[in-house]
């Protein structure tokens, strides 16, 4: 894992307390946006949050957080390396591409 992804891991809060896919997606979006802003990203380079009914959403029906200009494969590292993404009883997050995470109810 590269340095940017290691730092990103430490900047995303513990997601285990979120009971819904929407709550988890909104929290991740807020953390990614704060991290991106600290790195100097702005405008179209910032992460996006897409609700289930957004026609841009690659996973229709589910919440998606996307950050195409973020660290390489951040979505894969985040969802497969963190226990709080793997063991939540109410939802799970998984990458659609390597630069976004979809949140699904269990």
C-alpha atoms as a PDB file:
ATOM      1  CA  UNK A   1       0.000   0.000   0.000  1.00  0.00           C
ATOM      2  CA  UNK A   2       1.381   3.426  -0.893  1.00  0.00           C
ATOM      3  CA  UNK A   3       1.860   6.292   1.561  1.00  0.00           C
ATOM      4  CA  UNK A   4      -1.217   8.268   0.467  1.00  0.00           C
ATOM      5  CA  UNK A   5      -3.474   5.264   1.086  1.00  0.00           C
ATOM      6  CA  UNK A   6      -1.872   4.626   4.485  1.00  0.00           C
ATOM      7  CA  UNK A   7      -2.542   8.226   5.511  1.00  0.00           C
ATOM      8  CA  UNK A   8      -6.076   8.043   4.086  1.00  0.00           C
ATOM      9  CA  UNK A   9      -6.790   4.940   6.182  1.00  0.00           C
ATOM     10  CA  UNK A  10      -5.914   6.873   9.322  1.00  0.00           C
ATOM     11  CA  UNK A  11      -8.089   9.840   8.320  1.00  0.00           C
ATOM     12  CA  UNK A  12     -11.318   7.855   7.857  1.00  0.00           C
ATOM     13  CA  UNK A  13     -13.263   7.456  11.093  1.00  0.00           C
ATOM     14  CA  UNK A  14     -14.315   4.096  12.495  1.00  0.00           C
ATOM     15  CA  UNK A  15     -17.364   3.191  10.432  1.00  0.00           C
ATOM     16  CA  UNK A  16     -18.684   0.460  12.731  1.00  0.00           C
ATOM     17  CA  UNK A  17     -21.093   2.779  14.569  1.00  0.00           C
ATOM     18  CA  UNK A  18     -23.140   3.620  11.449  1.00  0.00           C
ATOM     19  CA  UNK A  19     -26.407   1.695  11.247  1.00  0.00           C
ATOM     20  CA  UNK A  20     -27.392   2.512   7.663  1.00  0.00           C
ATOM     21  CA  UNK A  21     -25.665   2.586   4.290  1.00  0.00           C
ATOM     22  CA  UNK A  22     -26.660   6.267   3.997  1.00  0.00           C
ATOM     23  CA  UNK A  23     -25.024   7.216   7.290  1.00  0.00           C
ATOM     24  CA  UNK A  24     -21.829   5.352   6.442  1.00  0.00           C
ATOM     25  CA  UNK A  25     -21.657   6.869   2.945  1.00  0.00           C
ATOM     26  CA  UNK A  26     -22.172  10.400   4.251  1.00  0.00           C
ATOM     27  CA  UNK A  27     -19.483   9.916   6.918  1.00  0.00           C
ATOM     28  CA  UNK A  28     -16.987   8.541   4.398  1.00  0.00           C
ATOM     29  CA  UNK A  29     -17.723  11.397   2.004  1.00  0.00           C
ATOM     30  CA  UNK A  30     -17.105  13.959   4.766  1.00  0.00           C
ATOM     31  CA  UNK A  31     -13.798  12.317   5.749  1.00  0.00           C
ATOM     32  CA  UNK A  32     -12.590  12.020   2.152  1.00  0.00           C
ATOM     33  CA  UNK A  33     -13.532  15.625   1.426  1.00  0.00           C
ATOM     34  CA  UNK A  34     -11.606  16.855   4.479  1.00  0.00           C
ATOM     35  CA  UNK A  35      -8.581  14.771   3.468  1.00  0.00           C
ATOM     36  CA  UNK A  36      -8.742  15.962  -0.155  1.00  0.00           C
ATOM     37  CA  UNK A  37      -9.057  19.596   0.914  1.00  0.00           C
ATOM     38  CA  UNK A  38      -6.022  19.236   3.195  1.00  0.00           C
ATOM     39  CA  UNK A  39      -4.073  17.891   0.200  1.00  0.00           C
ATOM     40  CA  UNK A  40      -5.067  20.909  -1.909  1.00  0.00           C
ATOM     41  CA  UNK A  41      -7.802  19.349  -4.052  1.00  0.00           C
ATOM     42  CA  UNK A  42     -10.711  21.575  -5.003  1.00  0.00           C
ATOM     43  CA  UNK A  43     -13.692  21.791  -7.344  1.00  0.00           C
ATOM     44  CA  UNK A  44     -14.192  18.781  -9.595  1.00  0.00           C
ATOM     45  CA  UNK A  45     -11.246  16.978  -7.949  1.00  0.00           C
ATOM     46  CA  UNK A  46     -13.176  16.509  -4.690  1.00  0.00           C
ATOM     47  CA  UNK A  47     -15.050  13.323  -3.769  1.00  0.00           C
ATOM     48  CA  UNK A  48     -18.712  13.037  -4.720  1.00  0.00           C
ATOM     49  CA  UNK A  49     -21.636  11.499  -2.869  1.00  0.00           C
ATOM     50  CA  UNK A  50     -24.343   9.900  -4.977  1.00  0.00           C
ATOM     51  CA  UNK A  51     -27.653   8.867  -3.405  1.00  0.00           C
ATOM     52  CA  UNK A  52     -29.452   5.770  -4.713  1.00  0.00           C
ATOM     53  CA  UNK A  53     -31.649   7.729  -7.128  1.00  0.00           C
ATOM     54  CA  UNK A  54     -28.793   9.714  -8.765  1.00  0.00           C
ATOM     55  CA  UNK A  55     -28.638   8.837 -12.480  1.00  0.00           C
ATOM     56  CA  UNK A  56     -24.802   9.171 -12.428  1.00  0.00           C
ATOM     57  CA  UNK A  57     -24.543   6.467  -9.777  1.00  0.00           C
ATOM     58  CA  UNK A  58     -22.743   3.347 -11.094  1.00  0.00           C
ATOM     59  CA  UNK A  59     -24.646   1.274  -8.503  1.00  0.00           C
ATOM     60  CA  UNK A  60     -28.289   2.345  -8.895  1.00  0.00           C
ATOM     61  CA  UNK A  61     -30.290   1.809  -5.747  1.00  0.00           C
ATOM     62  CA  UNK A  62     -27.319   2.152  -3.406  1.00  0.00           C
ATOM     63  CA  UNK A  63     -25.260   4.986  -1.932  1.00  0.00           C
ATOM     64  CA  UNK A  64     -21.919   5.572  -3.675  1.00  0.00           C
ATOM     65  CA  UNK A  65     -18.900   7.673  -2.727  1.00  0.00           C
ATOM     66  CA  UNK A  66     -16.574   8.360  -5.657  1.00  0.00           C
ATOM     67  CA  UNK A  67     -13.174  10.062  -5.800  1.00  0.00           C
ATOM     68  CA  UNK A  68     -11.626   9.577  -9.230  1.00  0.00           C
ATOM     69  CA  UNK A  69      -8.680  11.874  -8.539  1.00  0.00           C
ATOM     70  CA  UNK A  70      -7.858  10.263  -5.176  1.00  0.00           C
ATOM     71  CA  UNK A  71      -4.998   7.900  -4.357  1.00  0.00           C
ATOM     72  CA  UNK A  72      -4.622   4.895  -6.631  1.00  0.00           C
ATOM     73  CA  UNK A  73      -7.161   2.168  -5.755  1.00  0.00           C
ATOM     74  CA  UNK A  74      -8.217   3.913  -2.535  1.00  0.00           C
ATOM     75  CA  UNK A  75     -11.622   2.189  -2.566  1.00  0.00           C
ATOM     76  CA  UNK A  76     -10.066  -1.261  -2.730  1.00  0.00           C
ATOM     77  CA  UNK A  77      -7.595  -0.593   0.070  1.00  0.00           C
ATOM     78  CA  UNK A  78     -10.179   1.008   2.302  1.00  0.00           C
ATOM     79  CA  UNK A  79     -12.847  -1.662   2.006  1.00  0.00           C
ATOM     80  CA  UNK A  80     -10.602  -4.719   2.030  1.00  0.00           C
ATOM     81  CA  UNK A  81      -8.067  -3.678   4.667  1.00  0.00           C
ATOM     82  CA  UNK A  82     -10.336  -2.260   7.349  1.00  0.00           C
ATOM     83  CA  UNK A  83     -12.227  -4.452   9.771  1.00  0.00           C
ATOM     84  CA  UNK A  84     -15.067  -1.933  10.156  1.00  0.00           C
ATOM     85  CA  UNK A  85     -15.943  -2.307   6.449  1.00  0.00           C
ATOM     86  CA  UNK A  86     -15.776  -6.089   6.570  1.00  0.00           C
ATOM     87  CA  UNK A  87     -17.744  -6.926   9.707  1.00  0.00           C
ATOM     88  CA  UNK A  88     -20.597  -4.413   9.909  1.00  0.00           C
ATOM     89  CA  UNK A  89     -23.902  -6.216  10.490  1.00  0.00           C
ATOM     90  CA  UNK A  90     -26.152  -3.556   8.921  1.00  0.00           C
ATOM     91  CA  UNK A  91     -24.351  -2.737   5.670  1.00  0.00           C
ATOM     92  CA  UNK A  92     -21.230  -3.443   3.681  1.00  0.00           C
ATOM     93  CA  UNK A  93     -19.097  -1.265   1.483  1.00  0.00           C
ATOM     94  CA  UNK A  94     -17.337  -2.522  -1.595  1.00  0.00           C
ATOM     95  CA  UNK A  95     -15.559  -0.926  -4.535  1.00  0.00           C
ATOM     96  CA  UNK A  96     -17.340  -0.775  -7.866  1.00  0.00           C
ATOM     97  CA  UNK A  97     -14.225   0.518  -9.557  1.00  0.00           C
ATOM     98  CA  UNK A  98     -11.036   1.144  -7.609  1.00  0.00           C
ATOM     99  CA  UNK A  99     -12.016   4.781  -7.020  1.00  0.00           C
ATOM    100  CA  UNK A 100     -15.482   4.441  -5.530  1.00  0.00           C
ATOM    101  CA  UNK A 101     -17.281   2.578  -2.773  1.00  0.00           C
ATOM    102  CA  UNK A 102     -20.885   1.449  -2.897  1.00  0.00           C
ATOM    103  CA  UNK A 103     -22.803   0.978   0.352  1.00  0.00           C
ATOM    104  CA  UNK A 104     -25.324  -1.859   0.457  1.00  0.00           C
ATOM    105  CA  UNK A 105     -27.647  -3.113   3.189  1.00  0.00           C
ATOM    106  CA  UNK A 106     -26.882  -6.577   4.538  1.00  0.00           C
END
